[in-house]
Amino acid sequence: MARIAFIGLGNMGGGMAANLAKAGHDVRAFDLSAEALARAKAAGCLPADSAAAACEDAEAVVTMLPAGRHVESVYDESVLDAAPRAAILIDCSTIPVATARAVADRAAAKGFTMVDAPVSGGIAAANAGSLTFMVGGSAEGFSRAEPFLEVMGKAVIHAGSPGAGQAAKICNNMLLGATMVATCESFALAEKLGLDLQTYYDIASQASGQSWSMTSYCPVPGVGPETPADRDYQGGFAAALMLKDLRLAMDAAAGTAADTPMGARAAELYQRFVDEGNAATDFSGIIRMLKGQSTV
């Protein structure tokens, strides 16, 4: 088993670190939140006093941080100075492609091998160890990171060179955001037309309109498998995080002159949803806004 530094123990990172510890790894965990550190300790991790302390003698360093600026800060101020050069560096945060490539370049200049490995699956998958990892980096980096990622996920896919993992993540989540809006619209229209929503689900989930947003994450309570809709849209994937990913996609589209009208409209709708006080609400809760219902 390996000694692993895990930095960032939020809703996603906490479950991921716990699964590494459950697998028998020596996980040295750090987060600015004392509560998060306490949860990590209860899950079998050893809390560290700082990010730098967590990295000492580590064979792998995993980071799961809120945004690009946090990744740059942690790597520049702690990881690249404190971790052994032989450690594989794995950033699972969702950040701009350009930032991922810049940090990877700085790591390479200091003799490290690094991969970007953002995730798909949400909090439940992080806790269950069933995430999907999209990995950007060299073939050597992917090979070294894969054994650790496999402990935390059901699928680990090499997307390409540094930054490719982030590119795949933002494209995927742009599709998810737009698909969820369309799924919510279809249920709202079905209801207006007098259809029984369970009956509509039974039809659409086996017809050409079927999607993951329909069959795995249905935005209607009491229909399909259990989802955040059955918990008043609490838990799951916060609307603020969906908005963050859509903004990253729109920035990438602007930088490459890509035409993404559906992604742009989804970003506008989620911006409105968040502005109405729903930042922490599951992203499928946007159905209430589309139906003209109070969302707060």
Protein backbone atom coordinates (compact mmCIF):
# COMPACT_ATOMS: atom_id res chain seq x y z
CA MET A 1 0.00 0.00 0.00
CA ALA A 2 1.12 3.55 -0.69
CA ARG A 3 1.40 6.76 1.28
CA ILE A 4 -0.97 9.26 -0.33
CA ALA A 5 -1.37 12.97 0.33
CA PHE A 6 -4.98 14.07 -0.20
CA ILE A 7 -5.62 17.81 -0.23
CA GLY A 8 -9.21 19.08 -0.38
CA LEU A 9 -11.81 17.18 1.65
CA GLY A 10 -15.07 18.79 0.56
CA ASN A 11 -18.23 17.02 -0.58
CA MET A 12 -16.31 15.12 -3.26
CA GLY A 13 -12.82 14.87 -1.80
CA GLY A 14 -13.97 13.54 1.55
CA GLY A 15 -15.52 10.43 0.04
CA MET A 16 -12.62 9.92 -2.35
CA ALA A 17 -10.02 10.09 0.44
CA ALA A 18 -12.12 7.72 2.55
CA ASN A 19 -12.14 5.13 -0.23
CA LEU A 20 -8.36 5.28 -0.57
CA ALA A 21 -8.03 4.72 3.19
CA LYS A 22 -10.59 1.91 3.07
CA ALA A 23 -8.43 0.21 0.44
CA GLY A 24 -5.54 0.16 2.90
CA HIS A 25 -3.53 3.16 1.73
CA ASP A 26 -1.82 5.45 4.24
CA VAL A 27 -3.75 8.65 3.51
CA ARG A 28 -2.39 11.92 4.92
CA ALA A 29 -5.27 14.35 4.53
CA PHE A 30 -5.47 18.13 4.67
CA ASP A 31 -8.23 20.70 4.40
CA LEU A 32 -8.73 24.19 5.81
CA SER A 33 -11.94 22.96 7.48
CA ALA A 34 -11.49 21.35 10.90
CA GLU A 35 -14.83 19.59 10.43
CA ALA A 36 -13.68 18.06 7.14
CA LEU A 37 -10.47 16.89 8.78
CA ALA A 38 -12.46 15.29 11.60
CA ARG A 39 -14.59 13.39 9.08
CA ALA A 40 -11.47 12.25 7.25
CA LYS A 41 -9.95 11.00 10.49
CA ALA A 42 -13.12 9.07 11.29
CA ALA A 43 -12.88 7.50 7.82
CA GLY A 44 -9.36 6.23 8.44
CA CYS A 45 -7.19 9.08 7.16
CA LEU A 46 -4.44 10.76 9.18
CA PRO A 47 -5.01 14.53 9.37
CA ALA A 48 -2.01 16.69 8.47
CA ASP A 49 -1.24 20.16 9.82
CA SER A 50 -0.74 21.63 6.34
CA ALA A 51 -0.76 20.76 2.67
CA ALA A 52 3.03 20.67 2.73
CA ALA A 53 3.07 18.31 5.71
CA ALA A 54 0.65 15.97 3.95
CA CYS A 55 3.00 15.78 0.96
CA GLU A 56 6.08 14.70 2.92
CA ASP A 57 7.25 11.24 1.77
CA ALA A 58 4.10 10.81 -0.34
CA GLU A 59 4.10 8.38 -3.26
CA ALA A 60 1.03 10.08 -4.73
CA VAL A 61 -0.54 13.49 -4.19
CA VAL A 62 -4.25 13.90 -4.95
CA THR A 63 -5.88 17.33 -4.98
CA MET A 64 -9.61 18.08 -5.12
CA LEU A 65 -10.02 21.84 -4.91
CA PRO A 66 -12.75 24.38 -5.78
CA ALA A 67 -11.16 26.37 -8.61
CA GLY A 68 -8.07 26.99 -10.69
CA ARG A 69 -6.67 29.65 -8.38
CA HIS A 70 -6.76 27.21 -5.47
CA VAL A 71 -4.96 24.55 -7.49
CA GLU A 72 -2.25 26.99 -8.54
CA SER A 73 -1.80 28.23 -4.98
CA VAL A 74 -1.57 24.76 -3.43
CA TYR A 75 0.84 23.47 -6.05
CA ASP A 76 3.05 26.57 -6.14
CA GLU A 77 3.14 27.08 -2.37
CA SER A 78 3.12 23.51 -1.08
CA VAL A 79 3.07 20.50 -3.39
CA LEU A 80 5.93 21.36 -5.76
CA ASP A 81 8.25 22.17 -2.86
CA ALA A 82 7.26 19.51 -0.33
CA ALA A 83 6.42 16.37 -2.33
CA PRO A 84 9.17 13.92 -3.37
CA ARG A 85 10.03 14.17 -7.06
CA ALA A 86 9.11 10.50 -7.45
CA ALA A 87 5.49 11.15 -6.41
CA ILE A 88 2.75 11.05 -9.04
CA LEU A 89 0.67 14.24 -8.88
CA ILE A 90 -3.06 13.85 -9.58
CA ASP A 91 -5.35 16.87 -9.73
CA CYS A 92 -9.03 15.89 -9.68
CA SER A 93 -10.37 19.45 -9.51
CA THR A 94 -12.42 20.92 -12.36
CA ILE A 95 -10.46 23.93 -13.64
CA PRO A 96 -9.76 25.74 -16.92
CA VAL A 97 -7.83 23.73 -19.49
CA ALA A 98 -5.18 26.46 -19.71
CA THR A 99 -4.65 26.39 -15.95
CA ALA A 100 -4.30 22.60 -15.91
CA ARG A 101 -1.66 22.80 -18.64
CA ALA A 102 0.20 25.63 -16.91
CA VAL A 103 0.39 23.76 -13.59
CA ALA A 104 1.47 20.58 -15.39
CA ASP A 105 4.23 22.54 -17.13
CA ARG A 106 5.46 23.93 -13.81
CA ALA A 107 5.39 20.45 -12.29
CA ALA A 108 7.34 19.00 -15.22
CA ALA A 109 9.93 21.76 -14.92
CA LYS A 110 10.59 20.59 -11.37
CA GLY A 111 10.87 16.95 -12.38
CA PHE A 112 7.35 15.74 -11.49
CA THR A 113 4.92 13.62 -13.47
CA MET A 114 1.41 15.07 -13.23
CA VAL A 115 -2.04 14.29 -14.61
CA ASP A 116 -5.33 16.17 -14.57
CA ALA A 117 -8.13 13.78 -13.65
CA PRO A 118 -11.48 15.55 -13.18
CA VAL A 119 -14.46 13.41 -12.27
CA SER A 120 -18.06 12.75 -13.19
CA GLY A 121 -20.63 11.16 -10.91
CA GLY A 122 -21.39 13.50 -8.02
CA ILE A 123 -21.28 13.07 -4.26
CA ALA A 124 -22.98 9.67 -4.18
CA ALA A 125 -20.45 8.24 -6.65
CA ALA A 126 -17.56 9.81 -4.72
CA ASN A 127 -18.75 8.07 -1.55
CA ALA A 128 -19.42 4.79 -3.35
CA GLY A 129 -16.13 4.75 -5.26
CA SER A 130 -17.94 4.71 -8.60
CA LEU A 131 -16.71 7.94 -10.21
CA THR A 132 -15.63 8.29 -13.83
CA PHE A 133 -12.17 9.82 -14.25
CA MET A 134 -11.14 11.65 -17.42
CA VAL A 135 -7.36 11.78 -17.38
CA GLY A 136 -5.04 14.14 -19.20
CA GLY A 137 -1.29 13.54 -19.24
CA SER A 138 1.43 11.32 -20.64
CA ALA A 139 1.02 7.58 -21.04
CA GLU A 140 3.48 7.13 -18.17
CA GLY A 141 1.52 9.51 -15.96
CA PHE A 142 -1.75 7.73 -16.73
CA SER A 143 -0.22 4.34 -15.97
CA ARG A 144 1.09 5.55 -12.63
CA ALA A 145 -2.13 7.33 -11.64
CA GLU A 146 -4.52 4.58 -12.76
CA PRO A 147 -4.10 2.23 -9.76
CA PHE A 148 -5.05 5.02 -7.36
CA LEU A 149 -7.93 6.28 -9.47
CA GLU A 150 -9.36 2.77 -9.87
CA VAL A 151 -9.88 2.62 -6.10
CA MET A 152 -12.11 5.70 -6.33
CA GLY A 153 -13.92 5.04 -9.61
CA LYS A 154 -15.71 2.63 -11.89
CA ALA A 155 -14.07 3.99 -15.06
CA VAL A 156 -10.65 5.55 -15.62
CA ILE A 157 -10.14 6.80 -19.18
CA HIS A 158 -7.04 8.35 -20.71
CA ALA A 159 -8.35 11.39 -22.59
CA GLY A 160 -5.03 12.53 -24.05
CA SER A 161 -2.24 15.00 -23.31
CA PRO A 162 -2.13 17.41 -20.31
CA GLY A 163 -5.39 19.36 -20.07
CA ALA A 164 -7.36 16.78 -22.06
CA GLY A 165 -9.09 15.52 -18.92
CA GLN A 166 -10.38 19.02 -18.22
CA ALA A 167 -11.46 19.44 -21.84
CA ALA A 168 -13.46 16.21 -21.69
CA LYS A 169 -15.04 17.20 -18.36
CA ILE A 170 -16.29 20.61 -19.49
CA CYS A 171 -17.64 19.21 -22.77
CA ASN A 172 -19.43 16.44 -20.87
CA ASN A 173 -20.94 18.81 -18.31
CA MET A 174 -22.02 21.30 -20.95
CA LEU A 175 -23.96 18.44 -22.52
CA LEU A 176 -25.34 17.42 -19.12
CA GLY A 177 -26.47 20.96 -18.31
CA ALA A 178 -28.27 21.40 -21.62
CA THR A 179 -29.78 17.91 -21.47
CA MET A 180 -31.12 18.43 -17.96
CA VAL A 181 -32.82 21.68 -19.02
CA ALA A 182 -34.42 19.91 -21.99
CA THR A 183 -35.50 17.00 -19.78
CA CYS A 184 -37.11 19.40 -17.30
CA GLU A 185 -38.85 21.23 -20.13
CA SER A 186 -40.26 17.99 -21.49
CA PHE A 187 -41.71 16.97 -18.12
CA ALA A 188 -43.18 20.44 -17.61
CA LEU A 189 -44.83 20.31 -21.03
CA ALA A 190 -46.07 16.76 -20.50
CA GLU A 191 -47.74 17.86 -17.29
CA LYS A 192 -49.38 20.86 -19.04
CA LEU A 193 -50.71 18.47 -21.69
CA GLY A 194 -52.32 16.31 -19.04
CA LEU A 195 -49.98 13.33 -19.24
CA ASP A 196 -49.37 11.21 -16.16
CA LEU A 197 -45.68 11.83 -15.45
CA GLN A 198 -44.90 8.22 -14.54
CA THR A 199 -46.48 7.12 -17.80
CA TYR A 200 -44.52 9.75 -19.70
CA TYR A 201 -41.32 8.55 -18.03
CA ASP A 202 -42.11 4.93 -18.94
CA ILE A 203 -42.46 6.01 -22.58
CA ALA A 204 -39.62 8.52 -22.92
CA SER A 205 -37.12 6.39 -20.98
CA GLN A 206 -37.50 3.72 -23.69
CA ALA A 207 -37.87 6.01 -26.67
CA SER A 208 -35.60 8.28 -28.68
CA GLY A 209 -35.72 11.04 -26.05
CA GLN A 210 -34.00 8.83 -23.47
CA SER A 211 -30.95 10.34 -21.72
CA TRP A 212 -28.98 10.01 -18.49
CA SER A 213 -30.88 13.04 -17.15
CA MET A 214 -34.09 11.13 -17.77
CA THR A 215 -33.34 7.59 -16.61
CA SER A 216 -30.61 8.02 -13.99
CA TYR A 217 -31.36 11.49 -12.61
CA CYS A 218 -35.05 12.13 -13.24
CA PRO A 219 -35.94 15.66 -12.09
CA VAL A 220 -39.48 14.66 -11.02
CA PRO A 221 -40.08 13.29 -7.50
CA GLY A 222 -41.54 9.82 -7.27
CA VAL A 223 -40.66 8.95 -10.86
CA GLY A 224 -37.82 6.63 -11.85
CA PRO A 225 -34.96 5.71 -9.49
CA GLU A 226 -34.39 7.76 -6.35
CA THR A 227 -32.73 11.10 -7.12
CA PRO A 228 -32.32 14.46 -5.36
CA ALA A 229 -35.81 15.31 -6.68
CA ASP A 230 -37.11 12.87 -4.05
CA ARG A 231 -35.26 14.84 -1.33
CA ASP A 232 -36.63 18.26 -2.25
CA TYR A 233 -33.63 18.73 -4.58
CA GLN A 234 -31.10 18.61 -1.76
CA GLY A 235 -27.73 16.89 -2.08
CA GLY A 236 -26.48 15.71 -5.44
CA PHE A 237 -24.79 18.21 -7.76
CA ALA A 238 -25.28 21.82 -6.67
CA ALA A 239 -26.56 24.29 -9.25
CA ALA A 240 -23.60 26.57 -8.48
CA LEU A 241 -21.21 23.81 -9.54
CA MET A 242 -23.12 23.22 -12.76
CA LEU A 243 -22.95 26.95 -13.43
CA LYS A 244 -19.19 26.90 -12.78
CA ASP A 245 -18.71 24.10 -15.31
CA LEU A 246 -20.91 25.84 -17.89
CA ARG A 247 -18.90 29.04 -17.47
CA LEU A 248 -15.69 27.07 -18.04
CA ALA A 249 -17.23 25.59 -21.18
CA MET A 250 -18.31 29.01 -22.44
CA ASP A 251 -14.83 30.43 -21.80
CA ALA A 252 -13.31 27.52 -23.71
CA ALA A 253 -15.80 28.01 -26.55
CA ALA A 254 -14.94 31.69 -26.77
CA GLY A 255 -11.23 30.88 -26.84
CA THR A 256 -11.62 28.40 -29.69
CA ALA A 257 -14.38 30.17 -31.67
CA ALA A 258 -16.70 27.17 -31.09
CA ASP A 259 -20.41 27.77 -31.64
CA THR A 260 -22.28 26.46 -28.56
CA PRO A 261 -25.77 28.05 -28.53
CA MET A 262 -27.38 25.34 -26.40
CA GLY A 263 -24.56 25.49 -23.88
CA ALA A 264 -24.84 29.27 -23.77
CA ARG A 265 -28.57 29.15 -23.15
CA ALA A 266 -28.11 26.54 -20.41
CA ALA A 267 -25.52 28.80 -18.77
CA GLU A 268 -27.98 31.72 -18.86
CA LEU A 269 -30.73 29.64 -17.27
CA TYR A 270 -28.51 28.27 -14.51
CA GLN A 271 -27.20 31.78 -13.84
CA ARG A 272 -30.80 32.91 -13.31
CA PHE A 273 -31.54 29.87 -11.13
CA VAL A 274 -28.51 30.57 -8.93
CA ASP A 275 -29.29 34.29 -8.79
CA GLU A 276 -32.74 33.43 -7.43
CA GLY A 277 -31.11 31.84 -4.38
CA ASN A 278 -30.59 28.25 -5.51
CA ALA A 279 -26.80 27.93 -5.50
CA ALA A 280 -26.91 24.94 -3.14
CA THR A 281 -29.98 23.33 -4.73
CA ASP A 282 -29.42 20.28 -6.90
CA PHE A 283 -29.17 21.29 -10.55
CA SER A 284 -32.23 19.22 -11.47
CA GLY A 285 -34.28 21.57 -9.29
CA ILE A 286 -34.28 24.02 -12.20
CA ILE A 287 -37.50 22.27 -13.22
CA ARG A 288 -39.29 24.34 -10.60
CA MET A 289 -38.08 27.57 -12.15
CA LEU A 290 -39.10 26.38 -15.61
CA LYS A 291 -42.55 25.56 -14.25
CA GLY A 292 -42.85 29.01 -12.73
CA GLN A 293 -42.80 27.69 -9.17
CA SER A 294 -41.09 29.44 -6.28
CA THR A 295 -37.55 28.10 -5.93
CA VAL A 296 -36.68 29.50 -2.50
